[in-house]
Amino acid sequence: MINLYNVLYPSGIDWTATGTMITAIVTSGLVLLAWRQLKKMNEISRADFDQRFKNDFFNEKTQQLFMMFQYDLISFKTEFISYINDEFPYFEIDVTKIDSNPIFKMYLDETKDRYSAYEVDNLLLGHFEDLGLFYKKGLMDIEFIYEGFDYYIEEIHNNKHIQNYIRWTRDREEDGEDIFDKFDLIFDKVKSYGKNKKK
């Protein structure tokens, strides 16, 4: 007489271990699939984040300001404020240079003859500080930053009027060295990346 138990569960096979192994394989497959999906979602999210940052940076006001620094049309100055015994920082546009070179009038806002330091921070330097912070936190990789922003970072970081402003700002604070330190960081990183890329 045939023993139904022996047919369904032949001797020599540990069905508990086999079932555990099959469950582990299926679970590993599901984990791998989920990991790939999360990785793809993360890449899409990072690309979207990068693109939104680019859109914020490449606007008309920022481009005008960058052009003025690039062509030495703007310089850092301060004005004494007597009632609080302090200085007000601003950047003055060299109207004479603009008037003597009509090409600039086609691209610049003629109504402005100066920018406050706060505007320069918001429109330009703040973006570079953000890039340094995003790089430090691993939210942006150096290749993206180098390819998209290296020219702007180096041009502004090397500008004498920007350096005068940064120095003035740091000198006013007791621990002022951390002011614009992320800008310094990303400047060093893109320079280093560029040298290694050329090699």
Protein backbone atom coordinates (compact mmCIF):
# COMPACT_ATOMS: atom_id res chain seq x y z
CA MET A 1 0.00 0.00 0.00
CA ILE A 2 1.32 3.45 -0.97
CA ASN A 3 2.04 5.82 1.88
CA LEU A 4 0.72 9.23 0.76
CA TYR A 5 3.01 11.05 3.24
CA ASN A 6 6.13 9.46 1.72
CA VAL A 7 4.98 10.50 -1.77
CA LEU A 8 4.37 14.13 -0.79
CA TYR A 9 7.37 14.38 1.52
CA PRO A 10 10.11 12.00 0.30
CA SER A 11 12.77 11.15 2.82
CA GLY A 12 16.07 13.05 2.68
CA ILE A 13 14.53 16.48 1.88
CA ASP A 14 14.21 19.02 4.67
CA TRP A 15 11.10 20.87 3.54
CA THR A 16 11.37 23.48 6.29
CA ALA A 17 14.88 24.46 5.16
CA THR A 18 13.83 24.37 1.48
CA GLY A 19 10.84 26.61 2.16
CA THR A 20 13.04 29.04 4.13
CA MET A 21 15.55 29.13 1.27
CA ILE A 22 12.85 29.83 -1.34
CA THR A 23 11.41 32.60 0.87
CA ALA A 24 14.89 34.12 1.28
CA ILE A 25 15.50 34.08 -2.51
CA VAL A 26 12.13 35.70 -3.26
CA THR A 27 12.69 38.29 -0.51
CA SER A 28 16.17 39.10 -1.85
CA GLY A 29 14.73 39.54 -5.33
CA LEU A 30 12.06 41.90 -4.03
CA VAL A 31 14.65 43.89 -2.04
CA LEU A 32 16.87 44.21 -5.13
CA LEU A 33 13.91 45.34 -7.24
CA ALA A 34 12.88 47.90 -4.60
CA TRP A 35 16.48 49.15 -4.32
CA ARG A 36 16.67 49.66 -8.11
CA GLN A 37 13.36 51.52 -8.11
CA LEU A 38 14.48 53.75 -5.23
CA LYS A 39 17.78 54.43 -6.97
CA LYS A 40 15.98 55.43 -10.15
CA MET A 41 13.58 57.67 -8.19
CA ASN A 42 16.54 59.25 -6.37
CA GLU A 43 18.29 59.97 -9.69
CA ILE A 44 15.14 61.58 -11.11
CA SER A 45 14.67 63.60 -7.92
CA ARG A 46 18.31 64.78 -7.98
CA ALA A 47 18.06 65.72 -11.67
CA ASP A 48 14.89 67.71 -10.93
CA PHE A 49 16.61 69.43 -7.98
CA ASP A 50 19.65 70.28 -10.15
CA GLN A 51 17.45 71.67 -12.92
CA ARG A 52 15.45 73.85 -10.54
CA PHE A 53 18.69 75.25 -9.12
CA LYS A 54 19.90 76.07 -12.63
CA ASN A 55 16.62 77.83 -13.42
CA ASP A 56 16.93 79.91 -10.26
CA PHE A 57 20.53 80.85 -11.04
CA PHE A 58 20.23 81.66 -14.74
CA ASN A 59 17.75 84.50 -14.50
CA GLU A 60 18.02 87.94 -16.07
CA LYS A 61 18.96 89.85 -12.90
CA THR A 62 21.73 87.44 -11.95
CA GLN A 63 23.11 87.45 -15.48
CA GLN A 64 23.17 91.26 -15.59
CA LEU A 65 24.98 91.42 -12.27
CA PHE A 66 27.48 88.77 -13.35
CA MET A 67 28.18 90.70 -16.57
CA MET A 68 28.89 93.89 -14.61
CA PHE A 69 31.48 92.13 -12.45
CA GLN A 70 32.98 90.42 -15.47
CA TYR A 71 33.51 93.70 -17.35
CA ASP A 72 34.57 95.68 -14.28
CA LEU A 73 31.49 97.92 -14.36
CA ILE A 74 30.77 97.71 -10.66
CA SER A 75 32.81 98.27 -7.51
CA PHE A 76 32.39 97.70 -3.79
CA LYS A 77 31.93 100.75 -1.56
CA THR A 78 30.68 101.63 1.91
CA GLU A 79 28.99 104.72 3.25
CA PHE A 80 29.12 105.83 6.85
CA ILE A 81 25.78 105.92 8.69
CA SER A 82 26.23 108.48 11.44
CA TYR A 83 23.20 107.83 13.66
CA ILE A 84 24.20 104.20 14.30
CA ASN A 85 27.96 104.64 13.85
CA ASP A 86 28.13 101.96 11.18
CA GLU A 87 28.84 101.48 7.47
CA PHE A 88 26.38 100.54 4.75
CA PRO A 89 27.88 98.24 2.08
CA TYR A 90 26.87 98.62 -1.56
CA PHE A 91 28.16 98.15 -5.10
CA GLU A 92 28.25 101.18 -7.35
CA ILE A 93 27.87 100.89 -11.11
CA ASP A 94 30.38 102.80 -13.22
CA VAL A 95 27.93 104.75 -15.38
CA THR A 96 30.77 106.45 -17.29
CA LYS A 97 32.06 103.11 -18.59
CA ILE A 98 28.55 102.07 -19.58
CA ASP A 99 27.85 105.37 -21.36
CA SER A 100 31.12 105.19 -23.28
CA ASN A 101 30.34 101.61 -24.46
CA PRO A 102 26.79 101.55 -25.85
CA ILE A 103 26.80 97.75 -26.19
CA PHE A 104 26.26 97.49 -22.42
CA LYS A 105 23.09 99.56 -22.54
CA MET A 106 21.45 96.89 -24.66
CA TYR A 107 21.76 94.37 -21.84
CA LEU A 108 21.71 96.32 -18.60
CA ASP A 109 18.91 97.85 -16.58
CA GLU A 110 19.43 101.59 -17.05
CA THR A 111 17.40 102.54 -14.00
CA LYS A 112 19.96 101.20 -11.49
CA ASP A 113 23.20 102.89 -10.57
CA ARG A 114 23.96 100.74 -7.51
CA TYR A 115 23.18 97.46 -5.79
CA SER A 116 23.02 96.95 -2.06
CA ALA A 117 25.26 94.20 -0.67
CA TYR A 118 22.08 92.33 0.23
CA GLU A 119 21.07 92.21 -3.44
CA VAL A 120 24.51 90.90 -4.45
CA ASP A 121 24.23 88.24 -1.73
CA ASN A 122 20.76 87.18 -2.86
CA LEU A 123 21.34 87.30 -6.61
CA LEU A 124 24.88 85.95 -6.83
CA LEU A 125 26.93 85.00 -3.79
CA GLY A 126 24.10 83.15 -2.07
CA HIS A 127 23.91 80.75 -5.03
CA PHE A 128 27.60 79.92 -4.72
CA GLU A 129 27.26 79.40 -0.97
CA ASP A 130 24.37 77.03 -1.70
CA LEU A 131 26.45 75.10 -4.23
CA GLY A 132 29.19 74.66 -1.64
CA LEU A 133 26.68 73.50 0.97
CA PHE A 134 24.89 71.13 -1.44
CA TYR A 135 28.25 69.62 -2.41
CA LYS A 136 29.29 69.22 1.22
CA LYS A 137 25.98 67.52 2.09
CA GLY A 138 26.20 65.19 -0.95
CA LEU A 139 23.12 66.70 -2.63
CA MET A 140 25.06 67.70 -5.77
CA ASP A 141 28.09 66.04 -7.30
CA ILE A 142 31.19 67.95 -8.34
CA GLU A 143 30.86 66.99 -12.01
CA PHE A 144 27.45 68.70 -12.28
CA ILE A 145 28.71 71.79 -10.44
CA TYR A 146 31.88 71.98 -12.53
CA GLU A 147 30.13 71.56 -15.88
CA GLY A 148 27.35 74.02 -15.07
CA PHE A 149 28.92 76.66 -12.85
CA ASP A 150 32.74 76.52 -12.90
CA TYR A 151 33.11 79.58 -15.16
CA TYR A 152 30.82 81.69 -12.95
CA ILE A 153 32.34 80.48 -9.67
CA GLU A 154 35.92 81.22 -10.74
CA GLU A 155 35.08 84.55 -12.39
CA ILE A 156 33.28 85.91 -9.32
CA HIS A 157 35.61 84.40 -6.72
CA ASN A 158 38.62 86.01 -8.45
CA ASN A 159 36.92 89.39 -8.77
CA LYS A 160 38.74 92.04 -6.70
CA HIS A 161 35.54 93.90 -5.75
CA ILE A 162 33.94 90.68 -4.48
CA GLN A 163 37.09 89.87 -2.51
CA ASN A 164 37.03 93.39 -1.01
CA TYR A 165 33.43 92.83 0.04
CA ILE A 166 34.13 89.39 1.53
CA ARG A 167 37.15 90.73 3.42
CA TRP A 168 35.12 93.71 4.73
CA THR A 169 32.31 91.39 5.84
CA ARG A 170 34.66 88.97 7.62
CA ASP A 171 36.58 91.76 9.36
CA ARG A 172 33.37 93.01 10.98
CA GLU A 173 32.70 89.71 12.77
CA GLU A 174 34.71 88.20 15.59
CA ASP A 175 34.57 84.74 13.98
CA GLY A 176 34.12 86.00 10.46
CA GLU A 177 36.16 83.34 8.69
CA ASP A 178 33.09 81.15 8.23
CA ILE A 179 31.35 83.89 6.21
CA PHE A 180 31.25 82.75 2.56
CA ASP A 181 33.35 79.71 3.50
CA LYS A 182 31.15 77.43 1.34
CA PHE A 183 31.94 79.73 -1.60
CA ASP A 184 35.66 79.24 -0.90
CA LEU A 185 35.09 75.48 -0.60
CA ILE A 186 33.33 75.11 -3.94
CA PHE A 187 35.88 77.38 -5.64
CA ASP A 188 38.70 75.09 -4.44
CA LYS A 189 36.77 71.96 -5.44
CA VAL A 190 35.98 73.06 -9.01
CA LYS A 191 39.58 74.19 -9.53
CA SER A 192 40.88 70.85 -8.31
CA TYR A 193 38.33 68.93 -10.39
CA GLY A 194 39.26 70.94 -13.49
CA LYS A 195 42.99 70.20 -13.04
CA ASN A 196 42.34 66.48 -12.59
CA LYS A 197 40.02 66.44 -15.60
CA LYS A 198 42.71 67.95 -17.85
CA LYS A 199 45.19 65.29 -16.72
